[in-house]
Amino acid sequence: MSHLDEVTARVDAAVEESVITHMNELLVELSEDAELSREDRYTQQQRLRNAIAHHGKHYKEDAEARQEQLTKGGTIL
């Protein structure tokens, strides 16, 4: 397995796990990875950035939906 394949598998696993901390740690690690070409490193980092942004959007939507559900027909007690 090539280094790029290993990195791709790690990024896949981090995205699937959907834990922001782990994705951020991998982003930092990739920025220092001299074995990858600049293009390959950028591609994998973009995948992580997109997953992080997507996670934040879903978190915000879930929080808004929960707030609406809790306040429907009255106020939160």
PDB file of N, CA and C in Angstrom:
ATOM      1  N   MET A   1       0.853  -1.179   0.000  1.00  0.00           N
ATOM      2  CA  MET A   1       0.000   0.000   0.000  1.00  0.00           C
ATOM      3  C   MET A   1       0.897   1.240   0.000  1.00  0.00           C
ATOM      4  N   SER A   2       0.624   2.158  -0.898  1.00  0.00           N
ATOM      5  CA  SER A   2       1.418   3.376  -0.975  1.00  0.00           C
ATOM      6  C   SER A   2       1.069   4.326   0.169  1.00  0.00           C
ATOM      7  N   HIS A   3       1.949   5.276   0.373  1.00  0.00           N
ATOM      8  CA  HIS A   3       1.706   6.263   1.437  1.00  0.00           C
ATOM      9  C   HIS A   3       0.418   7.039   1.162  1.00  0.00           C
ATOM     10  N   LEU A   4       0.178   7.390  -0.089  1.00  0.00           N
ATOM     11  CA  LEU A   4      -1.047   8.106  -0.443  1.00  0.00           C
ATOM     12  C   LEU A   4      -2.278   7.254  -0.117  1.00  0.00           C
ATOM     13  N   ASP A   5      -2.221   5.968  -0.406  1.00  0.00           N
ATOM     14  CA  ASP A   5      -3.346   5.081  -0.080  1.00  0.00           C
ATOM     15  C   ASP A   5      -3.586   5.030   1.425  1.00  0.00           C
ATOM     16  N   GLU A   6      -2.505   4.984   2.200  1.00  0.00           N
ATOM     17  CA  GLU A   6      -2.626   4.976   3.664  1.00  0.00           C
ATOM     18  C   GLU A   6      -3.265   6.264   4.169  1.00  0.00           C
ATOM     19  N   VAL A   7      -2.808   7.399   3.630  1.00  0.00           N
ATOM     20  CA  VAL A   7      -3.348   8.696   4.034  1.00  0.00           C
ATOM     21  C   VAL A   7      -4.819   8.792   3.643  1.00  0.00           C
ATOM     22  N   THR A   8      -5.150   8.354   2.444  1.00  0.00           N
ATOM     23  CA  THR A   8      -6.538   8.373   1.986  1.00  0.00           C
ATOM     24  C   THR A   8      -7.424   7.533   2.896  1.00  0.00           C
ATOM     25  N   ALA A   9      -6.932   6.378   3.304  1.00  0.00           N
ATOM     26  CA  ALA A   9      -7.696   5.516   4.208  1.00  0.00           C
ATOM     27  C   ALA A   9      -7.884   6.192   5.570  1.00  0.00           C
ATOM     28  N   ARG A  10      -6.853   6.875   6.056  1.00  0.00           N
ATOM     29  CA  ARG A  10      -6.964   7.581   7.339  1.00  0.00           C
ATOM     30  C   ARG A  10      -7.960   8.731   7.241  1.00  0.00           C
ATOM     31  N   VAL A  11      -7.939   9.441   6.124  1.00  0.00           N
ATOM     32  CA  VAL A  11      -8.891  10.542   5.926  1.00  0.00           C
ATOM     33  C   VAL A  11     -10.309   9.979   5.835  1.00  0.00           C
ATOM     34  N   ASP A  12     -10.475   8.889   5.094  1.00  0.00           N
ATOM     35  CA  ASP A  12     -11.791   8.245   5.013  1.00  0.00           C
ATOM     36  C   ASP A  12     -12.306   7.882   6.402  1.00  0.00           C
ATOM     37  N   ALA A  13     -11.439   7.290   7.208  1.00  0.00           N
ATOM     38  CA  ALA A  13     -11.828   6.875   8.559  1.00  0.00           C
ATOM     39  C   ALA A  13     -12.185   8.085   9.421  1.00  0.00           C
ATOM     40  N   ALA A  14     -11.406   9.161   9.323  1.00  0.00           N
ATOM     41  CA  ALA A  14     -11.679  10.365  10.112  1.00  0.00           C
ATOM     42  C   ALA A  14     -12.998  11.006   9.699  1.00  0.00           C
ATOM     43  N   VAL A  15     -13.273  11.044   8.410  1.00  0.00           N
ATOM     44  CA  VAL A  15     -14.531  11.609   7.916  1.00  0.00           C
ATOM     45  C   VAL A  15     -15.702  10.751   8.373  1.00  0.00           C
ATOM     46  N   GLU A  16     -15.542   9.449   8.289  1.00  0.00           N
ATOM     47  CA  GLU A  16     -16.599   8.532   8.717  1.00  0.00           C
ATOM     48  C   GLU A  16     -16.862   8.664  10.219  1.00  0.00           C
ATOM     49  N   GLU A  17     -15.797   8.816  10.993  1.00  0.00           N
ATOM     50  CA  GLU A  17     -15.926   8.958  12.447  1.00  0.00           C
ATOM     51  C   GLU A  17     -16.616  10.277  12.818  1.00  0.00           C
ATOM     52  N   SER A  18     -16.363  11.305  12.019  1.00  0.00           N
ATOM     53  CA  SER A  18     -16.997  12.612  12.167  1.00  0.00           C
ATOM     54  C   SER A  18     -16.729  13.262  13.528  1.00  0.00           C
ATOM     55  N   VAL A  19     -15.477  13.173  13.978  1.00  0.00           N
ATOM     56  CA  VAL A  19     -15.049  13.839  15.206  1.00  0.00           C
ATOM     57  C   VAL A  19     -14.129  14.985  14.795  1.00  0.00           C
ATOM     58  N   ILE A  20     -14.571  16.208  15.051  1.00  0.00           N
ATOM     59  CA  ILE A  20     -13.851  17.393  14.598  1.00  0.00           C
ATOM     60  C   ILE A  20     -12.406  17.395  15.085  1.00  0.00           C
ATOM     61  N   THR A  21     -12.191  17.049  16.339  1.00  0.00           N
ATOM     62  CA  THR A  21     -10.844  17.064  16.905  1.00  0.00           C
ATOM     63  C   THR A  21      -9.907  16.171  16.107  1.00  0.00           C
ATOM     64  N   HIS A  22     -10.355  14.975  15.777  1.00  0.00           N
ATOM     65  CA  HIS A  22      -9.512  14.045  15.023  1.00  0.00           C
ATOM     66  C   HIS A  22      -9.250  14.551  13.608  1.00  0.00           C
ATOM     67  N   MET A  23     -10.263  15.154  13.005  1.00  0.00           N
ATOM     68  CA  MET A  23     -10.068  15.693  11.652  1.00  0.00           C
ATOM     69  C   MET A  23      -9.082  16.854  11.678  1.00  0.00           C
ATOM     70  N   ASN A  24      -9.161  17.714  12.694  1.00  0.00           N
ATOM     71  CA  ASN A  24      -8.221  18.830  12.812  1.00  0.00           C
ATOM     72  C   ASN A  24      -6.799  18.338  13.044  1.00  0.00           C
ATOM     73  N   GLU A  25      -6.639  17.330  13.886  1.00  0.00           N
ATOM     74  CA  GLU A  25      -5.313  16.765  14.132  1.00  0.00           C
ATOM     75  C   GLU A  25      -4.719  16.209  12.840  1.00  0.00           C
ATOM     76  N   LEU A  26      -5.532  15.541  12.058  1.00  0.00           N
ATOM     77  CA  LEU A  26      -5.064  14.990  10.788  1.00  0.00           C
ATOM     78  C   LEU A  26      -4.723  16.102   9.795  1.00  0.00           C
ATOM     79  N   LEU A  27      -5.483  17.184   9.815  1.00  0.00           N
ATOM     80  CA  LEU A  27      -5.159  18.334   8.961  1.00  0.00           C
ATOM     81  C   LEU A  27      -3.758  18.851   9.268  1.00  0.00           C
ATOM     82  N   VAL A  28      -3.452  19.008  10.537  1.00  0.00           N
ATOM     83  CA  VAL A  28      -2.128  19.505  10.945  1.00  0.00           C
ATOM     84  C   VAL A  28      -1.053  18.509  10.539  1.00  0.00           C
ATOM     85  N   GLU A  29      -1.309  17.241  10.784  1.00  0.00           N
ATOM     86  CA  GLU A  29      -0.341  16.212  10.426  1.00  0.00           C
ATOM     87  C   GLU A  29      -0.061  16.208   8.921  1.00  0.00           C
ATOM     88  N   LEU A  30      -1.109  16.368   8.129  1.00  0.00           N
ATOM     89  CA  LEU A  30      -0.928  16.378   6.671  1.00  0.00           C
ATOM     90  C   LEU A  30      -0.127  17.584   6.206  1.00  0.00           C
ATOM     91  N   SER A  31      -0.279  18.707   6.884  1.00  0.00           N
ATOM     92  CA  SER A  31       0.450  19.902   6.464  1.00  0.00           C
ATOM     93  C   SER A  31       1.957  19.726   6.617  1.00  0.00           C
ATOM     94  N   GLU A  32       2.367  18.775   7.442  1.00  0.00           N
ATOM     95  CA  GLU A  32       3.790  18.518   7.666  1.00  0.00           C
ATOM     96  C   GLU A  32       4.282  17.256   6.968  1.00  0.00           C
ATOM     97  N   ASP A  33       3.440  16.631   6.161  1.00  0.00           N
ATOM     98  CA  ASP A  33       3.776  15.370   5.504  1.00  0.00           C
ATOM     99  C   ASP A  33       4.571  15.636   4.229  1.00  0.00           C
ATOM    100  N   ALA A  34       5.864  15.395   4.290  1.00  0.00           N
ATOM    101  CA  ALA A  34       6.747  15.658   3.150  1.00  0.00           C
ATOM    102  C   ALA A  34       6.699  14.550   2.105  1.00  0.00           C
ATOM    103  N   GLU A  35       6.108  13.406   2.442  1.00  0.00           N
ATOM    104  CA  GLU A  35       6.047  12.293   1.494  1.00  0.00           C
ATOM    105  C   GLU A  35       4.983  12.483   0.425  1.00  0.00           C
ATOM    106  N   LEU A  36       4.004  13.333   0.683  1.00  0.00           N
ATOM    107  CA  LEU A  36       2.934  13.581  -0.286  1.00  0.00           C
ATOM    108  C   LEU A  36       3.302  14.750  -1.185  1.00  0.00           C
ATOM    109  N   SER A  37       2.816  14.694  -2.409  1.00  0.00           N
ATOM    110  CA  SER A  37       2.987  15.856  -3.286  1.00  0.00           C
ATOM    111  C   SER A  37       2.080  16.972  -2.776  1.00  0.00           C
ATOM    112  N   ARG A  38       2.371  18.165  -3.180  1.00  0.00           N
ATOM    113  CA  ARG A  38       1.562  19.310  -2.753  1.00  0.00           C
ATOM    114  C   ARG A  38       0.102  19.115  -3.148  1.00  0.00           C
ATOM    115  N   GLU A  39      -0.125  18.626  -4.353  1.00  0.00           N
ATOM    116  CA  GLU A  39      -1.487  18.416  -4.858  1.00  0.00           C
ATOM    117  C   GLU A  39      -2.227  17.342  -4.063  1.00  0.00           C
ATOM    118  N   ASP A  40      -1.559  16.227  -3.786  1.00  0.00           N
ATOM    119  CA  ASP A  40      -2.192  15.153  -3.015  1.00  0.00           C
ATOM    120  C   ASP A  40      -2.508  15.612  -1.588  1.00  0.00           C
ATOM    121  N   ARG A  41      -1.581  16.337  -0.990  1.00  0.00           N
ATOM    122  CA  ARG A  41      -1.792  16.849   0.361  1.00  0.00           C
ATOM    123  C   ARG A  41      -2.987  17.803   0.378  1.00  0.00           C
ATOM    124  N   TYR A  42      -3.049  18.684  -0.599  1.00  0.00           N
ATOM    125  CA  TYR A  42      -4.157  19.641  -0.694  1.00  0.00           C
ATOM    126  C   TYR A  42      -5.497  18.913  -0.868  1.00  0.00           C
ATOM    127  N   THR A  43      -5.514  17.901  -1.719  1.00  0.00           N
ATOM    128  CA  THR A  43      -6.750  17.146  -1.972  1.00  0.00           C
ATOM    129  C   THR A  43      -7.271  16.512  -0.690  1.00  0.00           C
ATOM    130  N   GLN A  44      -6.384  15.874   0.064  1.00  0.00           N
ATOM    131  CA  GLN A  44      -6.807  15.217   1.300  1.00  0.00           C
ATOM    132  C   GLN A  44      -7.223  16.244   2.360  1.00  0.00           C
ATOM    133  N   GLN A  45      -6.501  17.356   2.432  1.00  0.00           N
ATOM    134  CA  GLN A  45      -6.876  18.398   3.384  1.00  0.00           C
ATOM    135  C   GLN A  45      -8.228  19.006   3.027  1.00  0.00           C
ATOM    136  N   GLN A  46      -8.503  19.181   1.749  1.00  0.00           N
ATOM    137  CA  GLN A  46      -9.802  19.715   1.335  1.00  0.00           C
ATOM    138  C   GLN A  46     -10.936  18.780   1.721  1.00  0.00           C
ATOM    139  N   ARG A  47     -10.713  17.489   1.595  1.00  0.00           N
ATOM    140  CA  ARG A  47     -11.729  16.521   2.010  1.00  0.00           C
ATOM    141  C   ARG A  47     -12.044  16.694   3.492  1.00  0.00           C
ATOM    142  N   LEU A  48     -10.993  16.882   4.297  1.00  0.00           N
ATOM    143  CA  LEU A  48     -11.199  17.082   5.727  1.00  0.00           C
ATOM    144  C   LEU A  48     -11.894  18.407   6.006  1.00  0.00           C
ATOM    145  N   ARG A  49     -11.469  19.471   5.333  1.00  0.00           N
ATOM    146  CA  ARG A  49     -12.103  20.784   5.539  1.00  0.00           C
ATOM    147  C   ARG A  49     -13.583  20.745   5.183  1.00  0.00           C
ATOM    148  N   ASN A  50     -13.903  20.094   4.080  1.00  0.00           N
ATOM    149  CA  ASN A  50     -15.309  19.977   3.671  1.00  0.00           C
ATOM    150  C   ASN A  50     -16.121  19.193   4.696  1.00  0.00           C
ATOM    151  N   ALA A  51     -15.551  18.121   5.223  1.00  0.00           N
ATOM    152  CA  ALA A  51     -16.252  17.322   6.235  1.00  0.00           C
ATOM    153  C   ALA A  51     -16.473  18.135   7.502  1.00  0.00           C
ATOM    154  N   ILE A  52     -15.480  18.931   7.888  1.00  0.00           N
ATOM    155  CA  ILE A  52     -15.609  19.775   9.079  1.00  0.00           C
ATOM    156  C   ILE A  52     -16.696  20.821   8.874  1.00  0.00           C
ATOM    157  N   ALA A  53     -16.688  21.463   7.720  1.00  0.00           N
ATOM    158  CA  ALA A  53     -17.704  22.478   7.423  1.00  0.00           C
ATOM    159  C   ALA A  53     -19.093  21.853   7.380  1.00  0.00           C
ATOM    160  N   HIS A  54     -19.202  20.696   6.776  1.00  0.00           N
ATOM    161  CA  HIS A  54     -20.481  19.997   6.675  1.00  0.00           C
ATOM    162  C   HIS A  54     -20.987  19.617   8.066  1.00  0.00           C
ATOM    163  N   HIS A  55     -20.075  19.162   8.920  1.00  0.00           N
ATOM    164  CA  HIS A  55     -20.427  18.775  10.293  1.00  0.00           C
ATOM    165  C   HIS A  55     -20.969  19.987  11.049  1.00  0.00           C
ATOM    166  N   GLY A  56     -20.316  21.136  10.912  1.00  0.00           N
ATOM    167  CA  GLY A  56     -20.762  22.352  11.590  1.00  0.00           C
ATOM    168  C   GLY A  56     -22.137  22.796  11.121  1.00  0.00           C
ATOM    169  N   LYS A  57     -22.396  22.658   9.836  1.00  0.00           N
ATOM    170  CA  LYS A  57     -23.698  23.040   9.285  1.00  0.00           C
ATOM    171  C   LYS A  57     -24.793  22.144   9.856  1.00  0.00           C
ATOM    172  N   HIS A  58     -24.531  20.846   9.905  1.00  0.00           N
ATOM    173  CA  HIS A  58     -25.526  19.911  10.455  1.00  0.00           C
ATOM    174  C   HIS A  58     -25.751  20.163  11.942  1.00  0.00           C
ATOM    175  N   TYR A  59     -24.689  20.466  12.661  1.00  0.00           N
ATOM    176  CA  TYR A  59     -24.815  20.746  14.095  1.00  0.00           C
ATOM    177  C   TYR A  59     -25.719  21.955  14.315  1.00  0.00           C
ATOM    178  N   LYS A  60     -25.504  23.005  13.517  1.00  0.00           N
ATOM    179  CA  LYS A  60     -26.312  24.219  13.639  1.00  0.00           C
ATOM    180  C   LYS A  60     -27.769  23.927  13.282  1.00  0.00           C
ATOM    181  N   GLU A  61     -27.997  23.190  12.204  1.00  0.00           N
ATOM    182  CA  GLU A  61     -29.365  22.853  11.802  1.00  0.00           C
ATOM    183  C   GLU A  61     -30.062  22.007  12.870  1.00  0.00           C
ATOM    184  N   ASP A  62     -29.337  21.059  13.448  1.00  0.00           N
ATOM    185  CA  ASP A  62     -29.919  20.224  14.508  1.00  0.00           C
ATOM    186  C   ASP A  62     -30.271  21.058  15.733  1.00  0.00           C
ATOM    187  N   ALA A  63     -29.407  21.991  16.092  1.00  0.00           N
ATOM    188  CA  ALA A  63     -29.664  22.845  17.254  1.00  0.00           C
ATOM    189  C   ALA A  63     -30.888  23.729  17.005  1.00  0.00           C
ATOM    190  N   GLU A  64     -30.990  24.267  15.793  1.00  0.00           N
ATOM    191  CA  GLU A  64     -32.147  25.100  15.466  1.00  0.00           C
ATOM    192  C   GLU A  64     -33.440  24.282  15.481  1.00  0.00           C
ATOM    193  N   ALA A  65     -33.389  23.074  14.944  1.00  0.00           N
ATOM    194  CA  ALA A  65     -34.569  22.212  14.929  1.00  0.00           C
ATOM    195  C   ALA A  65     -34.962  21.831  16.351  1.00  0.00           C
ATOM    196  N   ARG A  66     -33.994  21.559  17.192  1.00  0.00           N
ATOM    197  CA  ARG A  66     -34.275  21.213  18.585  1.00  0.00           C
ATOM    198  C   ARG A  66     -34.908  22.402  19.302  1.00  0.00           C
ATOM    199  N   GLN A  67     -34.361  23.594  19.089  1.00  0.00           N
ATOM    200  CA  GLN A  67     -34.916  24.804  19.711  1.00  0.00           C
ATOM    201  C   GLN A  67     -36.360  25.009  19.275  1.00  0.00           C
ATOM    202  N   GLU A  68     -36.628  24.829  17.991  1.00  0.00           N
ATOM    203  CA  GLU A  68     -37.986  24.987  17.472  1.00  0.00           C
ATOM    204  C   GLU A  68     -38.920  23.943  18.092  1.00  0.00           C
ATOM    205  N   GLN A  69     -38.442  22.711  18.191  1.00  0.00           N
ATOM    206  CA  GLN A  69     -39.248  21.648  18.773  1.00  0.00           C
ATOM    207  C   GLN A  69     -39.579  21.959  20.236  1.00  0.00           C
ATOM    208  N   LEU A  70     -38.606  22.467  20.969  1.00  0.00           N
ATOM    209  CA  LEU A  70     -38.803  22.749  22.404  1.00  0.00           C
ATOM    210  C   LEU A  70     -39.729  23.939  22.642  1.00  0.00           C
ATOM    211  N   THR A  71     -39.715  24.892  21.722  1.00  0.00           N
ATOM    212  CA  THR A  71     -40.515  26.112  21.942  1.00  0.00           C
ATOM    213  C   THR A  71     -41.844  26.082  21.203  1.00  0.00           C
ATOM    214  N   LYS A  72     -42.129  25.023  20.489  1.00  0.00           N
ATOM    215  CA  LYS A  72     -43.372  24.933  19.741  1.00  0.00           C
ATOM    216  C   LYS A  72     -44.542  24.952  20.733  1.00  0.00           C
ATOM    217  N   GLY A  73     -45.423  25.900  20.543  1.00  0.00           N
ATOM    218  CA  GLY A  73     -46.614  25.986  21.384  1.00  0.00           C
ATOM    219  C   GLY A  73     -46.357  26.582  22.750  1.00  0.00           C
ATOM    220  N   GLY A  74     -45.231  27.221  22.962  1.00  0.00           N
ATOM    221  CA  GLY A  74     -44.979  27.816  24.270  1.00  0.00           C
ATOM    222  C   GLY A  74     -43.522  28.203  24.427  1.00  0.00           C
ATOM    223  N   THR A  75     -43.118  28.305  25.644  1.00  0.00           N
ATOM    224  CA  THR A  75     -41.737  28.665  25.939  1.00  0.00           C
ATOM    225  C   THR A  75     -41.070  27.526  26.701  1.00  0.00           C
ATOM    226  N   ILE A  76     -39.773  27.555  26.715  1.00  0.00           N
ATOM    227  CA  ILE A  76     -39.010  26.554  27.444  1.00  0.00           C
ATOM    228  C   ILE A  76     -39.128  26.864  28.941  1.00  0.00           C
ATOM    229  N   LEU A  77     -39.473  25.880  29.706  1.00  0.00           N
ATOM    230  CA  LEU A  77     -39.598  26.055  31.155  1.00  0.00           C
ATOM    231  C   LEU A  77     -38.351  25.607  31.869  1.00  0.00           C
TER     232      LEU A  77
END
